[in-house]
Amino acid sequence: MIQILKVFIRAALYLFCYHIDIKNKYLVSKKGPLLIIANHPNSFLDAIIIAAQYKRKVYFLARGDAFHKKFHRYILRSLNMIPVYRKQEGKQYLHLNDNAFTEAINLLKMGFAVCIFIEGICLNTHQLQPFKKGTARIIEGTHNLNVFPTIHVVGIAYNQLRGIGKKVNLEITEYDLTSKITTVMDRIRFNETIFKILADNIHPSALPTTIKKTPLFYLHYYYYKWIFVYVAKKTKNTVFFDSILFSVLFFTYPLFLFFLFICFQILGIPLLISIGILIIIPILNKYTVE
């Protein structure tokens, strides 16, 4: 199911983002146990973009407060998300992090890919925040089992953090950890090394997003504006704007196209022509953004 969903997500990202540029793209086909370490400027959209690029299933450690509601927990777990809790989300949940780290270690032991946002927080900025201890703990845990996962350090950067037409730069570096992590100093040195690599991999595009006011722009204008305003209101003072915007567009855009289809049928446009127009509209609309 995840692989099928990934096809639709890639199509949605093609429309949502102007361009996603990947440096060292050959690494996304890496097999075997893989730990992906990334920065975290744009909430769940970071996970969506990273997962869409890799040619395999990726498990993610995600902020635990998003799992509090039963339905949200079911959806996120279905999408290979593992909850990790911070102090500000309640000290009563911190003991659950041992379960999360154990699950991540076991997944790596079985040869899966796990992604962790090493800052442990999202602040809608490309400025790296101090690293948490969880990543080094996971590596140490795998080393205790004589499992040595490949490590990918992934820098993700956006030209803008609100709205469609993003220019996304993704740079992947494979880091060869030559010695085991066994002490506190090993963890500190590991984080220091990853910090330097990750800082060098974050390259936000300086090119702004511009929108051409073509007929297709006006066709989509009120649909997109209503969703933009609605999401902005619901996510005010949070970092979730882009991830919620993407999700709402992902589920409602097919309904918008279906509405156009009904209009075409009312106007008497032949069925095959209507379908052809509806296929072309999303593709051409992408080129209203540059």
C-alpha atoms as a PDB file:
ATOM      1  CA  MET A   1       0.000   0.000   0.000  1.00  0.00           C
ATOM      2  CA  ILE A   2       2.858   2.362   0.879  1.00  0.00           C
ATOM      3  CA  GLN A   3       4.508   1.824  -2.502  1.00  0.00           C
ATOM      4  CA  ILE A   4       1.231   2.566  -4.321  1.00  0.00           C
ATOM      5  CA  LEU A   5       0.696   5.675  -2.183  1.00  0.00           C
ATOM      6  CA  LYS A   6       4.253   6.759  -2.968  1.00  0.00           C
ATOM      7  CA  VAL A   7       3.394   6.886  -6.690  1.00  0.00           C
ATOM      8  CA  PHE A   8       0.545   9.320  -6.012  1.00  0.00           C
ATOM      9  CA  ILE A   9       2.676  11.353  -3.595  1.00  0.00           C
ATOM     10  CA  ARG A  10       5.421  11.707  -6.207  1.00  0.00           C
ATOM     11  CA  ALA A  11       2.822  12.945  -8.691  1.00  0.00           C
ATOM     12  CA  ALA A  12       1.491  15.409  -6.102  1.00  0.00           C
ATOM     13  CA  LEU A  13       4.999  16.656  -5.307  1.00  0.00           C
ATOM     14  CA  TYR A  14       5.587  17.155  -9.033  1.00  0.00           C
ATOM     15  CA  LEU A  15       2.673  19.597  -9.003  1.00  0.00           C
ATOM     16  CA  PHE A  16       3.295  21.098  -5.548  1.00  0.00           C
ATOM     17  CA  CYS A  17       6.996  21.820  -6.076  1.00  0.00           C
ATOM     18  CA  TYR A  18       8.484  23.655  -9.023  1.00  0.00           C
ATOM     19  CA  HIS A  19      11.566  21.458  -8.889  1.00  0.00           C
ATOM     20  CA  ILE A  20      13.287  19.003  -6.544  1.00  0.00           C
ATOM     21  CA  ASP A  21      17.008  18.844  -7.237  1.00  0.00           C
ATOM     22  CA  ILE A  22      18.875  15.878  -5.714  1.00  0.00           C
ATOM     23  CA  LYS A  23      22.650  15.862  -5.425  1.00  0.00           C
ATOM     24  CA  ASN A  24      24.176  12.353  -5.372  1.00  0.00           C
ATOM     25  CA  LYS A  25      20.874  10.893  -6.528  1.00  0.00           C
ATOM     26  CA  TYR A  26      22.411   7.451  -7.082  1.00  0.00           C
ATOM     27  CA  LEU A  27      22.446   6.990  -3.297  1.00  0.00           C
ATOM     28  CA  VAL A  28      18.629   6.750  -3.094  1.00  0.00           C
ATOM     29  CA  SER A  29      18.911   3.179  -4.413  1.00  0.00           C
ATOM     30  CA  LYS A  30      21.115   2.039  -1.526  1.00  0.00           C
ATOM     31  CA  LYS A  31      20.195  -1.367  -0.099  1.00  0.00           C
ATOM     32  CA  GLY A  32      20.749  -2.896   3.320  1.00  0.00           C
ATOM     33  CA  PRO A  33      20.393  -1.274   6.765  1.00  0.00           C
ATOM     34  CA  LEU A  34      20.323   2.474   6.265  1.00  0.00           C
ATOM     35  CA  LEU A  35      20.099   5.344   8.750  1.00  0.00           C
ATOM     36  CA  ILE A  36      19.099   8.638   7.144  1.00  0.00           C
ATOM     37  CA  ILE A  37      19.993  11.714   9.204  1.00  0.00           C
ATOM     38  CA  ALA A  38      18.317  14.949   8.084  1.00  0.00           C
ATOM     39  CA  ASN A  39      17.645  18.522   9.135  1.00  0.00           C
ATOM     40  CA  HIS A  40      14.050  19.536   9.779  1.00  0.00           C
ATOM     41  CA  PRO A  41      12.932  22.949   8.419  1.00  0.00           C
ATOM     42  CA  ASN A  42       9.409  22.114   7.243  1.00  0.00           C
ATOM     43  CA  SER A  43       7.575  19.648   9.460  1.00  0.00           C
ATOM     44  CA  PHE A  44       6.058  16.514   7.876  1.00  0.00           C
ATOM     45  CA  LEU A  45       6.738  17.824   4.359  1.00  0.00           C
ATOM     46  CA  ASP A  46      10.423  17.013   4.941  1.00  0.00           C
ATOM     47  CA  ALA A  47       9.521  13.374   5.578  1.00  0.00           C
ATOM     48  CA  ILE A  48       7.178  13.251   2.578  1.00  0.00           C
ATOM     49  CA  ILE A  49       9.845  14.571   0.205  1.00  0.00           C
ATOM     50  CA  ILE A  50      12.636  12.352   1.545  1.00  0.00           C
ATOM     51  CA  ALA A  51      10.475   9.212   1.512  1.00  0.00           C
ATOM     52  CA  ALA A  52       9.353   9.931  -2.053  1.00  0.00           C
ATOM     53  CA  GLN A  53      12.933  10.087  -3.339  1.00  0.00           C
ATOM     54  CA  TYR A  54      14.220   6.827  -1.877  1.00  0.00           C
ATOM     55  CA  LYS A  55      13.468   3.662  -3.844  1.00  0.00           C
ATOM     56  CA  ARG A  56      12.496   1.721  -0.737  1.00  0.00           C
ATOM     57  CA  LYS A  57      10.335   1.852   2.367  1.00  0.00           C
ATOM     58  CA  VAL A  58      11.576   4.405   4.900  1.00  0.00           C
ATOM     59  CA  TYR A  59      10.558   4.520   8.569  1.00  0.00           C
ATOM     60  CA  PHE A  60      10.568   7.910  10.320  1.00  0.00           C
ATOM     61  CA  LEU A  61      10.949   8.991  13.920  1.00  0.00           C
ATOM     62  CA  ALA A  62       8.381  11.783  14.321  1.00  0.00           C
ATOM     63  CA  ARG A  63       7.272  14.145  17.108  1.00  0.00           C
ATOM     64  CA  GLY A  64       5.134  12.266  19.558  1.00  0.00           C
ATOM     65  CA  ASP A  65       2.419  14.881  20.185  1.00  0.00           C
ATOM     66  CA  ALA A  66       1.028  14.194  16.704  1.00  0.00           C
ATOM     67  CA  PHE A  67       0.161  10.635  17.867  1.00  0.00           C
ATOM     68  CA  HIS A  68      -2.028  11.544  20.847  1.00  0.00           C
ATOM     69  CA  LYS A  69      -5.339  11.109  19.029  1.00  0.00           C
ATOM     70  CA  LYS A  70      -6.199   7.518  18.207  1.00  0.00           C
ATOM     71  CA  PHE A  71      -7.083   8.202  14.553  1.00  0.00           C
ATOM     72  CA  HIS A  72      -3.931  10.272  13.991  1.00  0.00           C
ATOM     73  CA  ARG A  73      -1.852   7.533  15.599  1.00  0.00           C
ATOM     74  CA  TYR A  74      -3.390   4.917  13.292  1.00  0.00           C
ATOM     75  CA  ILE A  75      -2.715   7.000  10.170  1.00  0.00           C
ATOM     76  CA  LEU A  76       0.848   7.931  11.142  1.00  0.00           C
ATOM     77  CA  ARG A  77       1.776   4.394  12.116  1.00  0.00           C
ATOM     78  CA  SER A  78       0.339   3.202   8.808  1.00  0.00           C
ATOM     79  CA  LEU A  79       2.749   5.632   7.130  1.00  0.00           C
ATOM     80  CA  ASN A  80       5.764   4.103   8.931  1.00  0.00           C
ATOM     81  CA  MET A  81       6.023   6.848  11.567  1.00  0.00           C
ATOM     82  CA  ILE A  82       7.489   6.090  15.007  1.00  0.00           C
ATOM     83  CA  PRO A  83       6.627   8.527  17.848  1.00  0.00           C
ATOM     84  CA  VAL A  84       9.420  10.244  19.783  1.00  0.00           C
ATOM     85  CA  TYR A  85       8.584  12.541  22.685  1.00  0.00           C
ATOM     86  CA  ARG A  86      10.220  15.722  23.969  1.00  0.00           C
ATOM     87  CA  LYS A  87      10.087  17.177  27.480  1.00  0.00           C
ATOM     88  CA  GLN A  88       7.683  19.935  26.440  1.00  0.00           C
ATOM     89  CA  GLU A  89       5.166  17.301  25.321  1.00  0.00           C
ATOM     90  CA  GLY A  90       5.037  15.855  28.835  1.00  0.00           C
ATOM     91  CA  LYS A  91       7.625  14.094  30.974  1.00  0.00           C
ATOM     92  CA  GLN A  92       5.155  11.225  31.439  1.00  0.00           C
ATOM     93  CA  TYR A  93       5.775  10.207  27.813  1.00  0.00           C
ATOM     94  CA  LEU A  94       9.594  10.247  27.841  1.00  0.00           C
ATOM     95  CA  HIS A  95       9.890   6.619  28.924  1.00  0.00           C
ATOM     96  CA  LEU A  96       8.222   5.653  25.630  1.00  0.00           C
ATOM     97  CA  ASN A  97      11.298   6.871  23.760  1.00  0.00           C
ATOM     98  CA  ASP A  98      13.131   3.712  24.813  1.00  0.00           C
ATOM     99  CA  ASN A  99      10.527   1.769  22.836  1.00  0.00           C
ATOM    100  CA  ALA A 100      11.011   4.064  19.824  1.00  0.00           C
ATOM    101  CA  PHE A 101      14.793   3.686  19.843  1.00  0.00           C
ATOM    102  CA  THR A 102      14.497  -0.082  20.278  1.00  0.00           C
ATOM    103  CA  GLU A 103      12.080  -0.254  17.346  1.00  0.00           C
ATOM    104  CA  ALA A 104      14.460   1.792  15.178  1.00  0.00           C
ATOM    105  CA  ILE A 105      17.408  -0.439  16.129  1.00  0.00           C
ATOM    106  CA  ASN A 106      15.428  -3.587  15.323  1.00  0.00           C
ATOM    107  CA  LEU A 107      14.348  -2.189  11.959  1.00  0.00           C
ATOM    108  CA  LEU A 108      17.973  -1.475  11.079  1.00  0.00           C
ATOM    109  CA  LYS A 109      18.938  -4.948  12.268  1.00  0.00           C
ATOM    110  CA  MET A 110      16.385  -6.369   9.807  1.00  0.00           C
ATOM    111  CA  GLY A 111      17.884  -4.323   6.967  1.00  0.00           C
ATOM    112  CA  PHE A 112      15.322  -1.528   6.730  1.00  0.00           C
ATOM    113  CA  ALA A 113      15.838   2.222   6.268  1.00  0.00           C
ATOM    114  CA  VAL A 114      15.147   4.584   9.174  1.00  0.00           C
ATOM    115  CA  CYS A 115      15.157   8.382   9.002  1.00  0.00           C
ATOM    116  CA  ILE A 116      15.664  10.617  12.018  1.00  0.00           C
ATOM    117  CA  PHE A 117      15.554  14.417  12.148  1.00  0.00           C
ATOM    118  CA  ILE A 118      18.573  14.877  14.360  1.00  0.00           C
ATOM    119  CA  GLU A 119      17.668  18.372  15.630  1.00  0.00           C
ATOM    120  CA  GLY A 120      14.607  16.883  17.315  1.00  0.00           C
ATOM    121  CA  ILE A 121      12.635  20.049  16.571  1.00  0.00           C
ATOM    122  CA  CYS A 122      11.233  21.939  13.574  1.00  0.00           C
ATOM    123  CA  LEU A 123      11.460  25.739  13.571  1.00  0.00           C
ATOM    124  CA  ASN A 124      10.802  26.683   9.908  1.00  0.00           C
ATOM    125  CA  THR A 125      14.413  27.711   9.453  1.00  0.00           C
ATOM    126  CA  HIS A 126      17.460  26.349   7.647  1.00  0.00           C
ATOM    127  CA  GLN A 127      19.655  27.288  10.600  1.00  0.00           C
ATOM    128  CA  LEU A 128      20.708  24.075  12.332  1.00  0.00           C
ATOM    129  CA  GLN A 129      19.610  23.655  15.936  1.00  0.00           C
ATOM    130  CA  PRO A 130      21.621  21.767  18.612  1.00  0.00           C
ATOM    131  CA  PHE A 131      21.399  18.023  18.049  1.00  0.00           C
ATOM    132  CA  LYS A 132      19.565  15.621  20.335  1.00  0.00           C
ATOM    133  CA  LYS A 133      21.111  12.421  21.694  1.00  0.00           C
ATOM    134  CA  GLY A 134      18.746   9.927  20.051  1.00  0.00           C
ATOM    135  CA  THR A 135      20.621   9.413  16.795  1.00  0.00           C
ATOM    136  CA  ALA A 136      23.896   8.477  18.486  1.00  0.00           C
ATOM    137  CA  ARG A 137      21.969   6.178  20.850  1.00  0.00           C
ATOM    138  CA  ILE A 138      20.461   4.348  17.884  1.00  0.00           C
ATOM    139  CA  ILE A 139      23.860   3.939  16.218  1.00  0.00           C
ATOM    140  CA  GLU A 140      25.343   2.707  19.491  1.00  0.00           C
ATOM    141  CA  GLY A 141      22.474   0.238  19.819  1.00  0.00           C
ATOM    142  CA  THR A 142      23.077  -1.207  16.357  1.00  0.00           C
ATOM    143  CA  HIS A 143      26.812  -1.457  17.027  1.00  0.00           C
ATOM    144  CA  ASN A 144      26.067  -3.456  20.182  1.00  0.00           C
ATOM    145  CA  LEU A 145      24.331  -5.951  17.890  1.00  0.00           C
ATOM    146  CA  ASN A 146      27.270  -5.897  15.440  1.00  0.00           C
ATOM    147  CA  VAL A 147      25.064  -4.171  12.876  1.00  0.00           C
ATOM    148  CA  PHE A 148      26.750  -1.321  11.016  1.00  0.00           C
ATOM    149  CA  PRO A 149      24.132   0.556   8.961  1.00  0.00           C
ATOM    150  CA  THR A 150      25.063   2.818   6.102  1.00  0.00           C
ATOM    151  CA  ILE A 151      24.630   6.452   7.148  1.00  0.00           C
ATOM    152  CA  HIS A 152      23.183   9.073   4.782  1.00  0.00           C
ATOM    153  CA  VAL A 153      23.375  12.708   5.856  1.00  0.00           C
ATOM    154  CA  VAL A 154      20.598  14.550   4.015  1.00  0.00           C
ATOM    155  CA  GLY A 155      20.335  18.314   3.840  1.00  0.00           C
ATOM    156  CA  ILE A 156      16.938  19.554   2.666  1.00  0.00           C
ATOM    157  CA  ALA A 157      16.353  23.215   1.796  1.00  0.00           C
ATOM    158  CA  TYR A 158      13.548  25.286   0.277  1.00  0.00           C
ATOM    159  CA  ASN A 159      13.522  28.638  -1.470  1.00  0.00           C
ATOM    160  CA  GLN A 160      10.360  29.428   0.537  1.00  0.00           C
ATOM    161  CA  LEU A 161       8.516  27.742   3.378  1.00  0.00           C
ATOM    162  CA  ARG A 162       4.913  28.724   2.598  1.00  0.00           C
ATOM    163  CA  GLY A 163       2.955  27.725  -0.456  1.00  0.00           C
ATOM    164  CA  ILE A 164       3.283  25.978  -3.802  1.00  0.00           C
ATOM    165  CA  GLY A 165       6.020  26.278  -6.391  1.00  0.00           C
ATOM    166  CA  LYS A 166       8.904  25.408  -4.122  1.00  0.00           C
ATOM    167  CA  LYS A 167      12.444  24.997  -5.379  1.00  0.00           C
ATOM    168  CA  VAL A 168      13.807  22.193  -3.212  1.00  0.00           C
ATOM    169  CA  ASN A 169      17.465  21.233  -2.919  1.00  0.00           C
ATOM    170  CA  LEU A 170      18.260  17.828  -1.466  1.00  0.00           C
ATOM    171  CA  GLU A 171      21.907  16.897  -0.929  1.00  0.00           C
ATOM    172  CA  ILE A 172      22.858  13.403   0.250  1.00  0.00           C
ATOM    173  CA  THR A 173      26.271  12.480   1.647  1.00  0.00           C
ATOM    174  CA  GLU A 174      27.207   8.921   2.590  1.00  0.00           C
ATOM    175  CA  TYR A 175      29.180   8.993   5.830  1.00  0.00           C
ATOM    176  CA  ASP A 176      31.508   6.100   6.610  1.00  0.00           C
ATOM    177  CA  LEU A 177      31.609   5.624  10.382  1.00  0.00           C
ATOM    178  CA  THR A 178      34.803   3.630  10.890  1.00  0.00           C
ATOM    179  CA  SER A 179      34.638   3.034  14.638  1.00  0.00           C
ATOM    180  CA  LYS A 180      32.015   1.877  17.115  1.00  0.00           C
ATOM    181  CA  ILE A 181      30.140   4.294  19.337  1.00  0.00           C
ATOM    182  CA  THR A 182      30.634   3.051  22.888  1.00  0.00           C
ATOM    183  CA  THR A 183      31.165   6.108  25.124  1.00  0.00           C
ATOM    184  CA  VAL A 184      29.703   9.540  25.769  1.00  0.00           C
ATOM    185  CA  MET A 185      32.678  11.129  24.003  1.00  0.00           C
ATOM    186  CA  ASP A 186      32.039   8.924  20.956  1.00  0.00           C
ATOM    187  CA  ARG A 187      28.477  10.277  20.797  1.00  0.00           C
ATOM    188  CA  ILE A 188      29.683  13.878  21.112  1.00  0.00           C
ATOM    189  CA  ARG A 189      32.269  13.441  18.343  1.00  0.00           C
ATOM    190  CA  PHE A 190      29.680  11.730  16.155  1.00  0.00           C
ATOM    191  CA  ASN A 191      27.238  14.642  16.538  1.00  0.00           C
ATOM    192  CA  GLU A 192      29.998  17.169  15.855  1.00  0.00           C
ATOM    193  CA  THR A 193      30.971  15.395  12.621  1.00  0.00           C
ATOM    194  CA  ILE A 194      27.375  15.062  11.436  1.00  0.00           C
ATOM    195  CA  PHE A 195      26.742  18.738  12.252  1.00  0.00           C
ATOM    196  CA  LYS A 196      29.584  19.804   9.931  1.00  0.00           C
ATOM    197  CA  ILE A 197      28.445  17.525   7.087  1.00  0.00           C
ATOM    198  CA  LEU A 198      24.797  18.516   7.427  1.00  0.00           C
ATOM    199  CA  ALA A 199      25.597  22.234   7.549  1.00  0.00           C
ATOM    200  CA  ASP A 200      27.518  21.856   4.273  1.00  0.00           C
ATOM    201  CA  ASN A 201      24.553  20.033   2.672  1.00  0.00           C
ATOM    202  CA  ILE A 202      21.906  22.729   3.254  1.00  0.00           C
ATOM    203  CA  HIS A 203      21.606  25.005   0.218  1.00  0.00           C
ATOM    204  CA  PRO A 204      18.360  27.028  -0.024  1.00  0.00           C
ATOM    205  CA  SER A 205      17.762  28.365  -3.523  1.00  0.00           C
ATOM    206  CA  ALA A 206      17.932  32.150  -3.759  1.00  0.00           C
ATOM    207  CA  LEU A 207      15.496  32.145  -6.690  1.00  0.00           C
ATOM    208  CA  PRO A 208      12.005  33.317  -5.701  1.00  0.00           C
ATOM    209  CA  THR A 209       8.802  31.577  -6.754  1.00  0.00           C
ATOM    210  CA  THR A 210       6.784  33.583  -9.269  1.00  0.00           C
ATOM    211  CA  ILE A 211       3.335  32.813 -10.659  1.00  0.00           C
ATOM    212  CA  LYS A 212       2.218  33.716 -14.180  1.00  0.00           C
ATOM    213  CA  LYS A 213      -1.339  35.013 -14.327  1.00  0.00           C
ATOM    214  CA  THR A 214      -2.548  32.810 -17.181  1.00  0.00           C
ATOM    215  CA  PRO A 215      -6.122  31.534 -17.687  1.00  0.00           C
ATOM    216  CA  LEU A 216      -5.129  28.399 -15.772  1.00  0.00           C
ATOM    217  CA  PHE A 217      -4.028  30.578 -12.856  1.00  0.00           C
ATOM    218  CA  TYR A 218      -7.486  32.144 -12.681  1.00  0.00           C
ATOM    219  CA  LEU A 219      -9.141  28.725 -13.088  1.00  0.00           C
ATOM    220  CA  HIS A 220      -7.421  27.562  -9.898  1.00  0.00           C
ATOM    221  CA  TYR A 221      -7.356  30.895  -8.082  1.00  0.00           C
ATOM    222  CA  TYR A 222     -10.384  30.667  -5.791  1.00  0.00           C
ATOM    223  CA  TYR A 223      -9.903  26.945  -5.092  1.00  0.00           C
ATOM    224  CA  TYR A 224      -6.293  27.478  -3.982  1.00  0.00           C
ATOM    225  CA  LYS A 225      -6.906  30.784  -2.205  1.00  0.00           C
ATOM    226  CA  TRP A 226      -9.691  29.315  -0.061  1.00  0.00           C
ATOM    227  CA  ILE A 227      -7.499  26.372   0.965  1.00  0.00           C
ATOM    228  CA  PHE A 228      -4.476  28.635   1.579  1.00  0.00           C
ATOM    229  CA  VAL A 229      -6.471  30.935   3.895  1.00  0.00           C
ATOM    230  CA  TYR A 230      -8.147  27.998   5.671  1.00  0.00           C
ATOM    231  CA  VAL A 231      -4.839  26.200   6.324  1.00  0.00           C
ATOM    232  CA  ALA A 232      -3.132  29.427   7.411  1.00  0.00           C
ATOM    233  CA  LYS A 233      -5.873  29.964   9.993  1.00  0.00           C
ATOM    234  CA  LYS A 234      -5.759  26.389  11.279  1.00  0.00           C
ATOM    235  CA  THR A 235      -1.956  26.289  11.545  1.00  0.00           C
ATOM    236  CA  LYS A 236      -1.395  29.796  12.903  1.00  0.00           C
ATOM    237  CA  ASN A 237       1.643  29.981  15.194  1.00  0.00           C
ATOM    238  CA  THR A 238       2.722  26.442  14.274  1.00  0.00           C
ATOM    239  CA  VAL A 239       5.257  24.959  11.836  1.00  0.00           C
ATOM    240  CA  PHE A 240       2.691  22.787  10.051  1.00  0.00           C
ATOM    241  CA  PHE A 241       1.468  25.151   7.328  1.00  0.00           C
ATOM    242  CA  ASP A 242       3.192  23.548   4.328  1.00  0.00           C
ATOM    243  CA  SER A 243       2.624  19.947   5.391  1.00  0.00           C
ATOM    244  CA  ILE A 244      -1.092  20.555   6.015  1.00  0.00           C
ATOM    245  CA  LEU A 245      -1.412  22.575   2.798  1.00  0.00           C
ATOM    246  CA  PHE A 246       0.131  19.705   0.828  1.00  0.00           C
ATOM    247  CA  SER A 247      -2.165  17.168   2.518  1.00  0.00           C
ATOM    248  CA  VAL A 248      -5.340  19.175   1.903  1.00  0.00           C
ATOM    249  CA  LEU A 249      -4.421  19.768  -1.731  1.00  0.00           C
ATOM    250  CA  PHE A 250      -3.509  16.088  -2.128  1.00  0.00           C
ATOM    251  CA  PHE A 251      -7.004  14.978  -1.092  1.00  0.00           C
ATOM    252  CA  THR A 252      -9.104  17.817  -2.546  1.00  0.00           C
ATOM    253  CA  TYR A 253      -7.513  18.436  -5.950  1.00  0.00           C
ATOM    254  CA  PRO A 254      -9.086  15.269  -7.426  1.00  0.00           C
ATOM    255  CA  LEU A 255     -12.449  16.595  -6.200  1.00  0.00           C
ATOM    256  CA  PHE A 256     -11.743  19.943  -7.879  1.00  0.00           C
ATOM    257  CA  LEU A 257     -10.988  18.139 -11.155  1.00  0.00           C
ATOM    258  CA  PHE A 258     -14.165  16.080 -10.764  1.00  0.00           C
ATOM    259  CA  PHE A 259     -16.132  19.323 -10.320  1.00  0.00           C
ATOM    260  CA  LEU A 260     -14.634  20.590 -13.595  1.00  0.00           C
ATOM    261  CA  PHE A 261     -15.580  17.306 -15.247  1.00  0.00           C
ATOM    262  CA  ILE A 262     -19.216  17.747 -14.182  1.00  0.00           C
ATOM    263  CA  CYS A 263     -19.146  21.302 -15.564  1.00  0.00           C
ATOM    264  CA  PHE A 264     -17.782  20.038 -18.886  1.00  0.00           C
ATOM    265  CA  GLN A 265     -20.554  17.452 -19.090  1.00  0.00           C
ATOM    266  CA  ILE A 266     -23.219  20.070 -18.350  1.00  0.00           C
ATOM    267  CA  LEU A 267     -21.745  22.185 -21.159  1.00  0.00           C
ATOM    268  CA  GLY A 268     -22.029  19.186 -23.502  1.00  0.00           C
ATOM    269  CA  ILE A 269     -18.306  18.612 -24.046  1.00  0.00           C
ATOM    270  CA  PRO A 270     -17.741  15.016 -25.258  1.00  0.00           C
ATOM    271  CA  LEU A 271     -16.551  12.531 -22.652  1.00  0.00           C
ATOM    272  CA  LEU A 272     -13.134  11.734 -24.162  1.00  0.00           C
ATOM    273  CA  ILE A 273     -12.359  15.399 -24.736  1.00  0.00           C
ATOM    274  CA  SER A 274     -13.355  16.204 -21.147  1.00  0.00           C
ATOM    275  CA  ILE A 275     -11.049  13.511 -19.816  1.00  0.00           C
ATOM    276  CA  GLY A 276      -8.211  14.710 -22.045  1.00  0.00           C
ATOM    277  CA  ILE A 277      -8.617  18.281 -20.810  1.00  0.00           C
ATOM    278  CA  LEU A 278      -8.604  17.149 -17.184  1.00  0.00           C
ATOM    279  CA  ILE A 279      -5.338  15.259 -17.759  1.00  0.00           C
ATOM    280  CA  ILE A 280      -3.707  18.254 -19.415  1.00  0.00           C
ATOM    281  CA  ILE A 281      -4.879  20.913 -16.917  1.00  0.00           C
ATOM    282  CA  PRO A 282      -2.658  19.836 -13.948  1.00  0.00           C
ATOM    283  CA  ILE A 283       0.382  19.418 -16.197  1.00  0.00           C
ATOM    284  CA  LEU A 284      -0.007  22.808 -17.864  1.00  0.00           C
ATOM    285  CA  ASN A 285      -0.901  24.506 -14.587  1.00  0.00           C
ATOM    286  CA  LYS A 286       2.516  23.518 -13.217  1.00  0.00           C
ATOM    287  CA  TYR A 287       4.059  25.822 -15.782  1.00  0.00           C
ATOM    288  CA  THR A 288       2.191  28.832 -14.429  1.00  0.00           C
ATOM    289  CA  VAL A 289       4.754  28.682 -11.599  1.00  0.00           C
ATOM    290  CA  GLU A 290       8.460  29.377 -12.066  1.00  0.00           C
END
